[in-house]
Amino acid sequence: MPLLVSNVPWTDEPLDDARRVAVHLGLSPPEILSVQLLKRSVDGRRRPPLWLANYRVELRDGEPAEQRLLQQGRHGLRLFTARDAQRFASSVPVPDLRSTWPASQRPIVIGAGPAGLFAALRLGEAGAPALLLERGEPVERRHYDVRAFWRHGQLDPESNAVFGEGGAGAFSDGKIYTRRRDGELGWVFRRLVDHGADPRVMEEGWAHLGTDRIREILPRLRARLAELGVEVRFRARVDRFVVEHGRCVGVELAGGELLRGAPVIVATGHSARDTWQAMLDAGASAEQRPIHIGARVEHPQRLVDQARYGAERGALPPASYRFTSVPPAGRARPAHTFCMCPGGTIVAASNHAGRVVVNGMSYSNRRAAFANSAVVVEVLPSDYGAADPLAGARFQDHIERLAFDSGGGGFRAPGQLVEDLLAGRPSQGLPKVSYTLGAQPTDLREILPGPIIEGMREALRHFERQLPGFAGPEAVLIAPETRTSAPVRFTRGPDLHSLGLPGLMPVGEGAGFAGGIVSAALDGMKAADAVIATVGAG
């Protein structure tokens, strides 16, 4: 059985993988039969920081040689299990049903974010003549719409940092790391690489596409969908779900066009509040769910590098972090950092006029002078003030309206020095920040509810102990970060169909079943496989 060899130092020495593993294990290269690089990442806790790699290794003498090594009790060395094989699988086969797929069964996928794109791709690979509907623009046009918003505050409510090909992830950094690990992950990553992603994303522990690289990948994915017989339509907003005999059988577009198809996979992301209402109107069942809200904290990247690496980073990647704050019960609410963007910028992410929402992004090279992340605090359904499924969306919207007013219009964002927030005083001025539409010094207590403020304060003090300077004089908060996830979950059965409306399959972040690019893609893939299994079973 192969070995899993972890924490192999990856240096600049001109060694191939087999020789690198042999040196680490104290073997000669001929004793290594095969090696497969599984993952590599920087361990910033070491001084100096070091790249470490994990490998799948087969020894030429097989089990006797493996047992001799295992008996040494070496840290980071164990047998490669079936679970490991699933975790690092490079592909999950798709059944070819092209010759047997019923001509009358045309799945409709709503939303060209990661959940919708990968659902449509999976269906296309199986032979389904799916229809993919996206309310926004293709990424080539969307890029100009987003740039006009970020530079001049000109918002297109249908083509922006939230809506359009690629979804919200296309303009929020493109991080594709996830806490989920299973065989499906390899299929998603492999498709990204096949269409232009850097092959190193298959190996990196903190894989990252970059907003610029995503704009190159998406048109290639779209071309592949067309080759597979999937029709993609843009500027096709769904306003109503067509229901017959208690079952969803199609959709009505803005303008009145009726489209029949089944099932209808709804993958509209965490900001399509009008679509949520249409789903509820059609009979889909939903429930409130907790979310996290806070603000973006920004530091000079050099501060993060110095704190994490103990020196300038040199050839290492820009340093990052991920922190959690869990105070004693009753003192403050739990909080954590979210969507950390090393070498990145804070960007406007609203899809509504008169609201301010912020997010973070970075390009593939991550060369910007700042680092940012969201510091977000737990918000419970009991905070929403009402019992209906969309009460959480109204809660978000209220904060976003306050932020717009506090910023003075033009999508200027309210900002506050971290030291001022901790001292309980409004900021009178701010240093240069990366948010291009401008930041207005204010007191975030006028925008964010008290429990969120107290949770952020507790977290910022805690994070300062882990990263010196985190709450220091160079730290700035830009608010609000309200769209970390959807405040609603559309309930579904084991077949992934809505419990209240068969024929409708709610998936991804907007349905309350994902929390990022990869988890959304996997949920879309899961829905597609459920459809494929039904057709394959006849």
Protein backbone atom coordinates (compact mmCIF):
# COMPACT_ATOMS: atom_id res chain seq x y z
CA MET A 1 0.00 0.00 0.00
CA PRO A 2 1.38 3.47 -0.80
CA LEU A 3 2.56 5.87 1.89
CA LEU A 4 1.39 9.40 2.63
CA VAL A 5 4.50 11.44 3.34
CA SER A 6 3.68 14.86 4.83
CA ASN A 7 5.70 17.99 5.57
CA VAL A 8 8.50 17.35 3.11
CA PRO A 9 10.62 20.55 2.92
CA TRP A 10 10.36 22.21 -0.48
CA THR A 11 13.49 24.27 -1.05
CA ASP A 12 14.98 26.03 -4.06
CA GLU A 13 17.43 23.19 -4.59
CA PRO A 14 17.16 21.68 -8.09
CA LEU A 15 15.64 18.39 -6.92
CA ASP A 16 12.90 16.41 -8.61
CA ASP A 17 10.09 15.11 -6.43
CA ALA A 18 11.48 11.59 -6.12
CA ARG A 19 14.88 12.82 -4.96
CA ARG A 20 13.27 15.34 -2.59
CA VAL A 21 11.21 12.55 -0.94
CA ALA A 22 14.21 10.22 -0.84
CA VAL A 23 16.32 12.82 0.98
CA HIS A 24 13.48 13.43 3.46
CA LEU A 25 13.05 9.71 4.20
CA GLY A 26 16.77 8.90 4.27
CA LEU A 27 16.49 6.61 1.24
CA SER A 28 18.35 6.40 -2.02
CA PRO A 29 16.41 7.54 -5.12
CA PRO A 30 16.31 4.02 -6.66
CA GLU A 31 14.30 2.85 -3.64
CA ILE A 32 11.44 5.15 -4.70
CA LEU A 33 9.13 3.57 -7.26
CA SER A 34 6.75 6.54 -7.75
CA VAL A 35 5.76 9.84 -6.17
CA GLN A 36 2.73 12.06 -6.64
CA LEU A 37 2.70 15.62 -5.33
CA LEU A 38 -0.62 16.12 -3.53
CA LYS A 39 -0.38 19.48 -1.83
CA ARG A 40 2.10 22.17 -0.86
CA SER A 41 1.83 25.26 1.31
CA VAL A 42 3.93 27.72 3.28
CA ASP A 43 4.40 27.08 6.99
CA GLY A 44 4.72 30.63 8.31
CA ARG A 45 5.27 29.39 11.87
CA ARG A 46 8.79 28.27 11.03
CA ARG A 47 11.76 30.59 11.12
CA PRO A 48 12.57 31.08 8.37
CA PRO A 49 9.19 30.19 6.78
CA LEU A 50 9.31 27.15 4.55
CA TRP A 51 7.31 25.51 1.79
CA LEU A 52 6.15 22.04 2.84
CA ALA A 53 4.73 19.36 0.55
CA ASN A 54 2.67 16.17 0.92
CA TYR A 55 3.26 13.19 -1.39
CA ARG A 56 1.78 9.83 -2.25
CA VAL A 57 4.81 7.51 -2.36
CA GLU A 58 5.31 3.93 -3.51
CA LEU A 59 8.51 2.11 -2.59
CA ARG A 60 10.16 -0.33 -4.95
CA ASP A 61 10.34 -3.11 -2.33
CA GLY A 62 6.69 -2.67 -1.41
CA GLU A 63 5.27 -3.61 1.98
CA PRO A 64 8.51 -4.74 3.72
CA ALA A 65 10.16 -1.38 3.01
CA GLU A 66 7.01 0.49 4.03
CA GLN A 67 6.82 -1.34 7.35
CA ARG A 68 10.47 -0.60 8.12
CA LEU A 69 9.81 3.11 7.66
CA LEU A 70 6.56 3.08 9.62
CA GLN A 71 8.23 1.33 12.56
CA GLN A 72 10.56 4.31 12.90
CA GLY A 73 7.59 6.35 14.17
CA ARG A 74 8.48 9.26 11.94
CA HIS A 75 6.10 12.24 12.22
CA GLY A 76 4.08 12.90 9.05
CA LEU A 77 4.38 9.37 7.69
CA ARG A 78 1.50 6.89 7.45
CA LEU A 79 -0.24 4.55 5.05
CA PHE A 80 -2.15 6.12 2.17
CA THR A 81 -5.75 5.13 2.86
CA ALA A 82 -8.83 4.73 0.69
CA ARG A 83 -10.09 8.00 2.20
CA ASP A 84 -6.90 9.71 1.02
CA ALA A 85 -7.43 8.26 -2.44
CA GLN A 86 -10.92 9.76 -2.51
CA ARG A 87 -9.72 13.07 -1.10
CA PHE A 88 -7.04 13.52 -3.73
CA ALA A 89 -8.90 11.95 -6.66
CA SER A 90 -8.20 13.89 -9.85
CA SER A 91 -11.53 13.11 -11.47
CA VAL A 92 -15.00 11.71 -10.90
CA PRO A 93 -16.37 9.97 -14.00
CA VAL A 94 -19.53 11.26 -15.63
CA PRO A 95 -21.85 8.67 -17.23
CA ASP A 96 -22.38 9.18 -20.95
CA LEU A 97 -26.15 9.28 -21.48
CA ARG A 98 -26.02 11.14 -24.77
CA SER A 99 -27.77 8.38 -26.69
CA THR A 100 -30.42 7.73 -24.05
CA TRP A 101 -31.22 11.17 -22.62
CA PRO A 102 -34.93 11.85 -23.25
CA ALA A 103 -35.32 14.61 -25.82
CA SER A 104 -38.27 15.97 -23.87
CA GLN A 105 -36.27 16.44 -20.64
CA ARG A 106 -34.36 19.69 -20.73
CA PRO A 107 -32.96 20.81 -17.36
CA ILE A 108 -32.95 24.56 -16.71
CA VAL A 109 -30.15 26.02 -14.62
CA ILE A 110 -30.58 29.54 -13.25
CA GLY A 111 -27.40 31.45 -12.46
CA ALA A 112 -23.93 31.25 -14.02
CA GLY A 113 -21.98 31.43 -10.77
CA PRO A 114 -19.93 28.43 -9.63
CA ALA A 115 -22.95 26.32 -8.59
CA GLY A 116 -24.81 26.93 -11.84
CA LEU A 117 -21.79 26.69 -14.13
CA PHE A 118 -20.61 23.38 -12.74
CA ALA A 119 -24.14 21.97 -12.64
CA ALA A 120 -24.54 22.87 -16.31
CA LEU A 121 -21.08 21.50 -17.16
CA ARG A 122 -21.75 18.23 -15.40
CA LEU A 123 -25.11 17.88 -17.13
CA GLY A 124 -23.54 18.69 -20.49
CA GLU A 125 -20.83 16.09 -20.04
CA ALA A 126 -23.54 13.52 -19.36
CA GLY A 127 -25.38 14.47 -22.55
CA ALA A 128 -28.17 16.66 -21.21
CA PRO A 129 -29.34 19.50 -23.50
CA ALA A 130 -29.45 21.91 -20.56
CA LEU A 131 -30.37 25.59 -20.66
CA LEU A 132 -28.29 27.97 -18.52
CA LEU A 133 -29.89 31.34 -17.75
CA GLU A 134 -27.94 34.29 -16.34
CA ARG A 135 -29.53 37.65 -15.51
CA GLY A 136 -26.24 39.51 -15.96
CA GLU A 137 -23.71 39.89 -18.76
CA PRO A 138 -20.95 37.60 -20.03
CA VAL A 139 -17.73 38.29 -18.21
CA GLU A 140 -16.17 40.27 -21.09
CA ARG A 141 -18.96 42.85 -20.88
CA ARG A 142 -19.40 42.49 -17.13
CA HIS A 143 -15.78 43.49 -16.62
CA TYR A 144 -16.49 46.94 -18.06
CA ASP A 145 -19.70 47.31 -16.02
CA VAL A 146 -17.85 46.48 -12.81
CA ARG A 147 -14.98 48.79 -13.69
CA ALA A 148 -17.42 51.66 -14.29
CA PHE A 149 -18.91 51.02 -10.86
CA TRP A 150 -15.60 50.76 -9.03
CA ARG A 151 -14.16 53.85 -10.71
CA HIS A 152 -17.15 56.12 -11.10
CA GLY A 153 -19.99 54.68 -9.00
CA GLN A 154 -22.08 53.86 -12.10
CA LEU A 155 -24.09 50.84 -10.99
CA ASP A 156 -25.85 48.49 -13.40
CA PRO A 157 -28.29 46.58 -11.16
CA GLU A 158 -28.17 43.52 -13.44
CA SER A 159 -24.43 43.43 -14.28
CA ASN A 160 -22.15 44.17 -11.36
CA ALA A 161 -19.82 42.62 -8.80
CA VAL A 162 -22.63 40.25 -7.74
CA PHE A 163 -24.63 39.45 -10.89
CA GLY A 164 -23.20 38.18 -14.16
CA GLU A 165 -21.16 35.29 -15.51
CA GLY A 166 -18.98 33.83 -12.78
CA GLY A 167 -21.16 35.08 -9.94
CA ALA A 168 -19.86 37.04 -6.96
CA GLY A 169 -16.66 34.98 -6.87
CA ALA A 170 -15.52 36.31 -10.24
CA PHE A 171 -14.89 39.73 -8.70
CA SER A 172 -13.93 38.74 -5.17
CA ASP A 173 -10.49 37.18 -5.37
CA GLY A 174 -11.20 33.73 -6.78
CA LYS A 175 -10.00 31.76 -3.77
CA ILE A 176 -10.71 28.08 -4.29
CA TYR A 177 -9.60 26.57 -1.03
CA THR A 178 -12.15 24.81 1.07
CA ARG A 179 -12.46 22.83 4.27
CA ARG A 180 -14.32 20.17 2.32
CA ARG A 181 -12.16 17.38 0.97
CA ASP A 182 -13.61 14.64 -1.22
CA GLY A 183 -13.21 13.06 -4.62
CA GLU A 184 -15.56 15.51 -6.28
CA LEU A 185 -13.07 18.28 -5.57
CA GLY A 186 -10.65 16.85 -8.12
CA TRP A 187 -13.26 17.04 -10.86
CA VAL A 188 -13.91 20.73 -10.14
CA PHE A 189 -10.23 21.66 -9.95
CA ARG A 190 -9.38 19.64 -13.07
CA ARG A 191 -12.03 21.43 -15.09
CA LEU A 192 -10.66 24.79 -13.94
CA VAL A 193 -7.15 23.78 -15.00
CA ASP A 194 -8.42 22.41 -18.31
CA HIS A 195 -9.86 25.83 -19.07
CA GLY A 196 -6.93 28.00 -18.11
CA ALA A 197 -6.29 27.92 -14.36
CA ASP A 198 -2.68 27.59 -13.25
CA PRO A 199 -2.02 23.84 -12.79
CA ARG A 200 -0.51 24.62 -9.39
CA VAL A 201 -4.03 25.06 -8.00
CA MET A 202 -4.15 21.25 -7.96
CA GLU A 203 -1.34 21.30 -5.40
CA GLU A 204 -1.57 24.54 -3.44
CA GLY A 205 -3.05 24.30 0.03
CA TRP A 206 -4.38 27.88 -0.35
CA ALA A 207 -5.24 27.79 -4.03
CA HIS A 208 -6.15 31.08 -5.67
CA LEU A 209 -7.27 31.93 -9.20
CA GLY A 210 -7.28 35.72 -9.09
CA THR A 211 -9.94 37.98 -10.56
CA ASP A 212 -7.88 38.58 -13.71
CA ARG A 213 -7.39 34.86 -14.37
CA ILE A 214 -11.09 34.12 -13.84
CA ARG A 215 -11.92 36.51 -16.69
CA GLU A 216 -9.84 34.26 -18.96
CA ILE A 217 -11.26 30.96 -17.70
CA LEU A 218 -14.97 31.78 -17.95
CA PRO A 219 -15.18 32.29 -21.75
CA ARG A 220 -13.42 28.96 -22.25
CA LEU A 221 -15.88 27.23 -19.94
CA ARG A 222 -18.71 28.86 -21.87
CA ALA A 223 -17.28 27.60 -25.18
CA ARG A 224 -17.04 24.11 -23.73
CA LEU A 225 -20.67 24.26 -22.64
CA ALA A 226 -21.67 25.14 -26.19
CA GLU A 227 -19.67 22.18 -27.53
CA LEU A 228 -21.57 19.92 -25.15
CA GLY A 229 -24.94 21.21 -26.36
CA VAL A 230 -25.71 23.46 -23.38
CA GLU A 231 -27.41 26.71 -24.37
CA VAL A 232 -26.28 29.77 -22.40
CA ARG A 233 -28.43 32.91 -22.37
CA PHE A 234 -27.44 36.23 -20.77
CA ARG A 235 -29.67 39.13 -19.71
CA ALA A 236 -32.24 36.45 -18.95
CA ARG A 237 -33.65 37.27 -15.52
CA VAL A 238 -36.20 34.84 -14.14
CA ASP A 239 -39.19 36.65 -12.64
CA ARG A 240 -41.57 33.76 -12.07
CA PHE A 241 -41.54 29.99 -11.69
CA VAL A 242 -44.16 28.12 -13.71
CA VAL A 243 -46.04 25.59 -11.57
CA GLU A 244 -48.48 22.96 -12.83
CA HIS A 245 -50.20 20.40 -10.60
CA GLY A 246 -47.92 21.36 -7.71
CA ARG A 247 -44.70 20.89 -9.66
CA CYS A 248 -42.24 23.39 -11.16
CA VAL A 249 -42.18 22.88 -14.93
CA GLY A 250 -40.45 26.02 -16.19
CA VAL A 251 -39.80 29.71 -15.75
CA GLU A 252 -41.00 33.07 -17.00
CA LEU A 253 -38.37 35.64 -17.92
CA ALA A 254 -38.53 39.37 -17.48
CA GLY A 255 -40.51 40.48 -20.52
CA GLY A 256 -42.91 37.54 -20.35
CA GLU A 257 -41.12 34.75 -22.27
CA LEU A 258 -42.11 31.32 -20.97
CA LEU A 259 -39.53 28.52 -20.97
CA ARG A 260 -40.49 24.95 -20.13
CA GLY A 261 -37.97 22.51 -18.71
CA ALA A 262 -37.31 20.22 -15.81
CA PRO A 263 -35.92 20.10 -13.31
CA VAL A 264 -35.20 23.78 -12.60
CA ILE A 265 -31.90 24.12 -10.73
CA VAL A 266 -31.80 27.49 -8.96
CA ALA A 267 -28.24 28.69 -8.31
CA THR A 268 -28.62 32.44 -8.05
CA GLY A 269 -26.11 33.27 -5.30
CA HIS A 270 -26.38 35.09 -1.99
CA SER A 271 -27.83 38.38 -3.28
CA ALA A 272 -30.76 37.49 -5.56
CA ARG A 273 -33.44 38.59 -3.12
CA ASP A 274 -36.05 39.03 -5.85
CA THR A 275 -35.52 35.42 -6.94
CA TRP A 276 -35.94 34.22 -3.37
CA GLN A 277 -39.30 35.97 -3.25
CA ALA A 278 -40.32 34.38 -6.55
CA MET A 279 -39.41 30.95 -5.22
CA LEU A 280 -41.48 31.52 -2.10
CA ASP A 281 -44.38 32.79 -4.19
CA ALA A 282 -44.24 29.58 -6.24
CA GLY A 283 -44.49 27.42 -3.13
CA ALA A 284 -40.89 26.61 -2.21
CA SER A 285 -40.33 26.21 1.51
CA ALA A 286 -37.56 28.09 3.32
CA GLU A 287 -36.29 28.90 6.77
CA GLN A 288 -34.12 31.54 8.36
CA ARG A 289 -30.47 30.78 8.98
CA PRO A 290 -27.70 32.56 10.91
CA ILE A 291 -25.19 34.71 9.05
CA HIS A 292 -22.11 36.80 9.86
CA ILE A 293 -21.79 40.57 9.46
CA GLY A 294 -18.99 43.01 10.15
CA ALA A 295 -16.46 45.10 8.26
CA ARG A 296 -13.31 44.77 6.18
CA VAL A 297 -10.07 45.39 8.05
CA GLU A 298 -7.15 46.64 5.97
CA HIS A 299 -3.41 46.72 6.75
CA PRO A 300 -0.27 47.36 4.74
CA GLN A 301 0.80 43.99 3.35
CA ARG A 302 4.30 44.54 4.74
CA LEU A 303 2.83 44.57 8.27
CA VAL A 304 1.24 41.15 7.74
CA ASP A 305 4.41 39.77 6.11
CA GLN A 306 6.57 40.96 9.00
CA ALA A 307 4.22 39.54 11.62
CA ARG A 308 3.77 36.16 9.92
CA TYR A 309 7.24 35.59 8.49
CA GLY A 310 9.34 37.53 10.97
CA ALA A 311 11.00 39.40 8.11
CA GLU A 312 10.32 40.69 4.61
CA ARG A 313 8.79 37.90 2.57
CA GLY A 314 11.38 37.80 -0.21
CA ALA A 315 10.41 35.06 -2.67
CA LEU A 316 7.58 33.75 -0.48
CA PRO A 317 3.96 34.58 -1.36
CA PRO A 318 2.28 37.51 0.43
CA ALA A 319 1.47 36.33 3.93
CA SER A 320 -2.10 35.57 4.94
CA TYR A 321 -3.97 34.66 8.10
CA ARG A 322 -7.17 33.06 9.33
CA PHE A 323 -8.32 33.81 12.87
CA THR A 324 -11.27 32.89 15.08
CA SER A 325 -12.50 34.54 18.27
CA VAL A 326 -14.68 32.53 20.68
CA PRO A 327 -15.08 34.62 23.85
CA PRO A 328 -16.48 33.20 27.09
CA ALA A 329 -20.24 32.84 26.96
CA GLY A 330 -22.03 36.12 27.56
CA ARG A 331 -19.06 38.41 26.98
CA ALA A 332 -19.32 38.80 23.21
CA ARG A 333 -20.40 36.86 20.17
CA PRO A 334 -18.03 34.62 18.22
CA ALA A 335 -16.26 36.19 15.26
CA HIS A 336 -13.75 35.21 12.62
CA THR A 337 -11.81 36.53 9.66
CA PHE A 338 -13.31 35.70 6.29
CA CYS A 339 -12.11 35.88 2.67
CA MET A 340 -8.61 37.14 3.49
CA CYS A 341 -7.05 38.90 0.47
CA PRO A 342 -3.25 39.25 0.66
CA GLY A 343 -1.94 41.82 -1.80
CA GLY A 344 -5.54 42.85 -2.48
CA THR A 345 -8.06 45.66 -2.40
CA ILE A 346 -11.43 46.42 -0.81
CA VAL A 347 -14.15 46.79 -3.44
CA ALA A 348 -17.75 47.90 -3.74
CA ALA A 349 -20.08 44.89 -3.99
CA SER A 350 -23.62 46.27 -4.01
CA ASN A 351 -26.25 45.37 -6.55
CA HIS A 352 -28.77 47.93 -5.24
CA ALA A 353 -28.85 51.69 -5.59
CA GLY A 354 -28.62 53.51 -2.28
CA ARG A 355 -26.77 50.70 -0.49
CA VAL A 356 -23.13 50.20 0.37
CA VAL A 357 -21.67 46.70 0.60
CA VAL A 358 -17.94 45.93 0.59
CA ASN A 359 -15.92 42.86 -0.30
CA GLY A 360 -12.29 41.99 -0.95
CA MET A 361 -10.43 40.86 -4.05
CA SER A 362 -6.94 40.42 -5.45
CA TYR A 363 -5.39 39.68 -8.80
CA SER A 364 -3.45 36.48 -9.46
CA ASN A 365 -0.07 38.04 -8.67
CA ARG A 366 -1.29 39.61 -5.38
CA ARG A 367 1.07 42.56 -5.70
CA ALA A 368 -1.08 45.31 -4.21
CA ALA A 369 0.30 47.15 -1.19
CA PHE A 370 -2.56 46.26 1.14
CA ALA A 371 -4.00 43.15 2.77
CA ASN A 372 -7.61 42.90 3.86
CA SER A 373 -10.12 40.49 5.29
CA ALA A 374 -13.60 40.60 6.71
CA VAL A 375 -13.93 40.55 10.48
CA VAL A 376 -17.45 39.21 10.87
CA VAL A 377 -19.60 38.42 13.89
CA GLU A 378 -22.35 35.85 14.34
CA VAL A 379 -25.87 37.15 13.70
CA LEU A 380 -28.75 34.95 14.83
CA PRO A 381 -32.26 34.66 13.35
CA SER A 382 -33.56 36.09 16.63
CA ASP A 383 -31.84 39.36 15.65
CA TYR A 384 -33.91 39.72 12.48
CA GLY A 385 -37.01 41.03 14.21
CA ALA A 386 -39.50 38.90 12.29
CA ALA A 387 -40.25 35.23 11.65
CA ASP A 388 -40.64 35.11 7.86
CA PRO A 389 -37.87 33.59 5.70
CA LEU A 390 -36.69 36.92 4.23
CA ALA A 391 -36.40 38.81 7.52
CA GLY A 392 -32.63 38.32 7.41
CA ALA A 393 -32.44 39.95 3.98
CA ARG A 394 -34.26 42.99 5.36
CA PHE A 395 -31.84 43.04 8.29
CA GLN A 396 -28.91 43.15 5.86
CA ASP A 397 -30.61 45.78 3.74
CA HIS A 398 -31.18 48.09 6.71
CA ILE A 399 -27.46 48.10 7.51
CA GLU A 400 -26.56 48.67 3.86
CA ARG A 401 -28.90 51.70 3.70
CA LEU A 402 -27.37 53.18 6.86
CA ALA A 403 -23.91 52.68 5.40
CA PHE A 404 -24.83 54.49 2.19
CA ASP A 405 -26.23 57.44 4.12
CA SER A 406 -23.23 57.55 6.47
CA GLY A 407 -20.84 57.56 3.53
CA GLY A 408 -22.53 60.63 2.11
CA GLY A 409 -23.67 59.08 -1.19
CA GLY A 410 -21.81 58.07 -4.31
CA PHE A 411 -21.16 54.65 -2.75
CA ARG A 412 -18.51 56.12 -0.44
CA ALA A 413 -18.04 53.63 2.39
CA PRO A 414 -18.01 54.45 6.10
CA GLY A 415 -14.62 53.84 7.67
CA GLN A 416 -13.05 53.93 11.11
CA LEU A 417 -9.59 53.41 12.54
CA VAL A 418 -9.44 50.21 14.56
CA GLU A 419 -7.92 52.13 17.47
CA ASP A 420 -10.89 54.51 17.43
CA LEU A 421 -13.42 51.68 17.40
CA LEU A 422 -11.72 50.09 20.37
CA ALA A 423 -11.61 53.44 22.19
CA GLY A 424 -15.29 54.15 21.48
CA ARG A 425 -14.74 57.36 19.55
CA PRO A 426 -15.54 58.36 15.94
CA SER A 427 -12.65 58.75 13.52
CA GLN A 428 -11.84 62.26 12.36
CA GLY A 429 -9.64 61.16 9.47
CA LEU A 430 -8.43 58.07 7.66
CA PRO A 431 -5.18 57.12 5.93
CA LYS A 432 -5.11 56.10 2.30
CA VAL A 433 -7.23 53.00 1.70
CA SER A 434 -7.63 50.75 -1.32
CA TYR A 435 -11.41 51.28 -1.67
CA THR A 436 -11.59 53.27 -4.90
CA LEU A 437 -14.90 55.06 -4.31
CA GLY A 438 -13.59 56.69 -1.14
CA ALA A 439 -14.09 56.18 2.58
CA GLN A 440 -15.83 58.58 4.96
CA PRO A 441 -14.50 58.70 8.55
CA THR A 442 -17.32 57.89 10.94
CA ASP A 443 -18.36 55.89 13.98
CA LEU A 444 -19.38 52.37 12.99
CA ARG A 445 -21.65 52.19 16.05
CA GLU A 446 -24.09 54.29 14.01
CA ILE A 447 -24.29 51.55 11.34
CA LEU A 448 -23.70 48.16 12.93
CA PRO A 449 -25.85 46.80 15.78
CA GLY A 450 -24.34 46.66 19.25
CA PRO A 451 -23.71 42.89 19.37
CA ILE A 452 -21.75 43.09 16.11
CA ILE A 453 -19.66 46.01 17.39
CA GLU A 454 -18.88 44.22 20.66
CA GLY A 455 -18.02 41.00 18.84
CA MET A 456 -15.68 42.89 16.52
CA ARG A 457 -14.00 44.66 19.43
CA GLU A 458 -13.39 41.41 21.26
CA ALA A 459 -12.10 39.76 18.09
CA LEU A 460 -9.78 42.64 17.16
CA ARG A 461 -8.13 42.57 20.57
CA HIS A 462 -7.77 38.80 20.32
CA PHE A 463 -6.34 38.96 16.79
CA GLU A 464 -3.83 41.62 17.91
CA ARG A 465 -2.35 39.03 20.26
CA GLN A 466 -1.92 36.63 17.35
CA LEU A 467 -0.66 39.15 14.79
CA PRO A 468 1.02 42.24 16.29
CA GLY A 469 -0.27 45.36 14.57
CA PHE A 470 -3.64 43.86 13.67
CA ALA A 471 -5.36 46.44 15.90
CA GLY A 472 -2.59 49.00 15.62
CA PRO A 473 -2.51 52.55 14.22
CA GLU A 474 -2.26 51.40 10.58
CA ALA A 475 -5.41 49.25 10.75
CA VAL A 476 -8.58 50.63 9.15
CA LEU A 477 -12.12 49.24 9.05
CA ILE A 478 -14.28 49.75 5.94
CA ALA A 479 -17.93 48.74 6.31
CA PRO A 480 -20.20 46.93 5.95
CA GLU A 481 -19.50 43.32 5.03
CA THR A 482 -23.04 41.95 4.98
CA ARG A 483 -23.07 39.38 2.16
CA THR A 484 -20.89 36.61 3.55
CA SER A 485 -23.74 34.15 3.04
CA ALA A 486 -27.48 33.96 2.52
CA PRO A 487 -29.73 34.55 5.55
CA VAL A 488 -32.20 32.00 4.20
CA ARG A 489 -32.11 28.28 3.45
CA PHE A 490 -34.52 26.67 1.00
CA THR A 491 -35.30 23.29 2.46
CA ARG A 492 -34.89 20.28 0.22
CA GLY A 493 -35.22 16.51 0.39
CA PRO A 494 -32.69 13.74 -0.21
CA ASP A 495 -33.29 14.10 -3.95
CA LEU A 496 -32.35 17.83 -3.61
CA HIS A 497 -35.80 18.93 -4.78
CA SER A 498 -37.54 21.65 -2.80
CA LEU A 499 -39.68 20.21 -0.02
CA GLY A 500 -42.46 22.61 -0.96
CA LEU A 501 -42.10 22.52 -4.73
CA PRO A 502 -40.98 19.35 -6.55
CA GLY A 503 -39.22 20.04 -9.82
CA LEU A 504 -37.28 22.94 -8.31
CA MET A 505 -33.76 22.25 -6.97
CA PRO A 506 -32.29 25.07 -4.85
CA VAL A 507 -28.48 24.86 -4.73
CA GLY A 508 -25.36 26.81 -3.79
CA GLU A 509 -24.87 29.88 -1.63
CA GLY A 510 -28.21 31.45 -2.44
CA ALA A 511 -30.06 28.36 -1.28
CA GLY A 512 -28.10 28.25 1.97
CA PHE A 513 -26.01 25.19 1.13
CA ALA A 514 -22.55 26.58 0.37
CA GLY A 515 -20.07 29.17 1.58
CA GLY A 516 -17.63 29.82 -1.23
CA ILE A 517 -16.64 29.08 -4.81
CA VAL A 518 -15.68 25.44 -4.34
CA SER A 519 -18.48 24.42 -1.98
CA ALA A 520 -20.99 26.07 -4.33
CA ALA A 521 -19.51 24.27 -7.33
CA LEU A 522 -19.68 20.96 -5.47
CA ASP A 523 -23.32 21.56 -4.54
CA GLY A 524 -24.15 22.32 -8.17
CA MET A 525 -22.36 19.16 -9.23
CA LYS A 526 -24.29 17.21 -6.60
CA ALA A 527 -27.60 18.47 -8.01
CA ALA A 528 -26.55 17.58 -11.55
CA ASP A 529 -25.59 14.08 -10.46
CA ALA A 530 -29.00 13.65 -8.85
CA VAL A 531 -30.63 14.52 -12.17
CA ILE A 532 -28.25 12.26 -14.09
CA ALA A 533 -28.94 9.35 -11.74
CA THR A 534 -32.67 9.69 -12.33
CA VAL A 535 -32.24 9.58 -16.11
CA GLY A 536 -29.67 6.77 -15.92
CA ALA A 537 -32.06 4.67 -13.86
CA GLY A 538 -34.62 4.98 -16.64
